[in-house]
Structure formats: structure tokens, C-alpha cells
Amino acid sequence: MLCKSLEFKNVFGQKIKVIEIPVLETNNRYYFMIQVRLQMFISYLYNKPHEKSCYSFREYLKRKLSWPDYQDLFRMMEFRNNA
């Protein structure tokens, strides 16, 4: 699975980095759910001061999603010809 990261400054000027954000196609059944969860997570990080500067979106999803959905979302996809 391909993942991306996001870096921004919150209201207090702290630099925040969110890693392990899954990249999904728009026709994927989890696309909307991931977009909404990501917006909620970023708004939480944006509006409050935090001690850490790097957060894993994957760990956040592990706590918030049901386990079968989490496993289905992050199962390893095999690429053709090791591409």
C-alpha cells in the first residue's frame, strides 16, 4: 500500500507531521471514511497544543476503526512484476 505524509503548522506555530496516510482510489469503498477521519484528525491536531511533533495516522485508525475494516484497509497489496 502506498502512503503519504502531511506537514503543517498548527495555531500555536508548532510544526506537526502526520505520517502513514493511505493513498486510495476514489472508487475504493474506504475512500470517504478515510477522508473524513483524516479531516477530523487534522482539525484535532491543528487546534490544540501538543508535546509530540510526529503522529501516525495508521495508529489513529487502529484505535478508531473496527478491526476487520482496519485489516481490510491495510492488507498488503501485491504489485505485478515487483513494480
Protein backbone atom coordinates (compact mmCIF):
# COMPACT_ATOMS: atom_id res chain seq x y z
CA MET A 1 0.00 0.00 0.00
CA LEU A 2 1.21 3.48 -0.80
CA CYS A 3 1.24 6.00 1.99
CA LYS A 4 1.79 9.73 2.08
CA SER A 5 2.69 12.21 4.78
CA LEU A 6 1.49 15.70 5.61
CA GLU A 7 3.32 18.51 7.38
CA PHE A 8 1.76 21.74 8.66
CA LYS A 9 1.91 24.32 11.44
CA ASN A 10 -0.90 24.45 13.98
CA VAL A 11 -2.49 27.55 15.55
CA PHE A 12 0.31 27.78 18.10
CA GLY A 13 3.08 27.67 15.48
CA GLN A 14 4.16 24.12 16.24
CA LYS A 15 5.29 22.06 13.26
CA ILE A 16 3.15 18.89 13.06
CA LYS A 17 3.83 15.91 10.80
CA VAL A 18 1.25 13.21 10.07
CA ILE A 19 2.69 10.04 8.52
CA GLU A 20 1.30 6.78 7.10
CA ILE A 21 -1.76 8.25 5.38
CA PRO A 22 -3.07 5.59 2.95
CA VAL A 23 -3.49 6.58 -0.70
CA LEU A 24 -6.77 5.20 -2.05
CA GLU A 25 -8.54 5.42 -5.37
CA THR A 26 -11.76 7.42 -5.41
CA ASN A 27 -13.81 4.31 -6.17
CA ASN A 28 -12.45 2.45 -3.13
CA ARG A 29 -15.12 1.69 -0.54
CA TYR A 30 -12.97 3.17 2.27
CA TYR A 31 -12.12 6.40 0.44
CA PHE A 32 -14.82 8.58 2.03
CA MET A 33 -14.31 7.14 5.51
CA ILE A 34 -10.55 7.78 5.37
CA GLN A 35 -11.06 11.35 4.12
CA VAL A 36 -13.46 12.17 6.94
CA ARG A 37 -11.24 10.57 9.59
CA LEU A 38 -8.21 12.45 8.25
CA GLN A 39 -10.06 15.78 8.40
CA MET A 40 -11.15 15.09 11.97
CA PHE A 41 -7.62 14.07 13.00
CA ILE A 42 -6.01 17.14 11.41
CA SER A 43 -8.55 19.53 12.94
CA TYR A 44 -7.84 17.98 16.36
CA LEU A 45 -4.09 18.45 15.88
CA TYR A 46 -4.50 21.94 14.44
CA ASN A 47 -6.50 23.43 17.29
CA LYS A 48 -4.65 22.13 20.38
CA PRO A 49 -1.04 22.36 21.58
CA HIS A 50 0.77 19.00 21.64
CA GLU A 51 4.03 17.67 23.03
CA LYS A 52 4.80 15.40 20.09
CA SER A 53 5.55 16.69 16.61
CA CYS A 54 5.03 13.48 14.59
CA TYR A 55 1.82 11.42 14.55
CA SER A 56 0.93 8.20 12.77
CA PHE A 57 -2.45 8.23 11.04
CA ARG A 58 -2.27 4.44 10.86
CA GLU A 59 -2.12 4.19 14.67
CA TYR A 60 -5.04 6.61 14.93
CA LEU A 61 -7.08 4.43 12.58
CA LYS A 62 -6.16 1.33 14.56
CA ARG A 63 -7.85 2.87 17.59
CA LYS A 64 -10.88 4.29 15.75
CA LEU A 65 -11.85 1.63 13.17
CA SER A 66 -13.25 -1.80 13.73
CA TRP A 67 -10.57 -4.46 13.44
CA PRO A 68 -11.94 -6.17 10.26
CA ASP A 69 -12.11 -2.80 8.47
CA TYR A 70 -8.58 -1.94 9.60
CA GLN A 71 -7.20 -5.27 8.37
CA ASP A 72 -9.01 -4.97 5.06
CA LEU A 73 -7.73 -1.44 4.54
CA PHE A 74 -4.08 -2.15 5.35
CA ARG A 75 -3.66 -5.59 3.89
CA MET A 76 -0.61 -5.80 1.71
CA MET A 77 -1.38 -5.42 -1.96
CA GLU A 78 0.90 -7.35 -4.27
CA PHE A 79 2.34 -5.44 -7.21
CA ARG A 80 2.83 -7.01 -10.60
CA ASN A 81 6.45 -7.72 -11.51
CA ASN A 82 7.67 -6.14 -8.24
CA ALA A 83 6.82 -2.66 -9.53
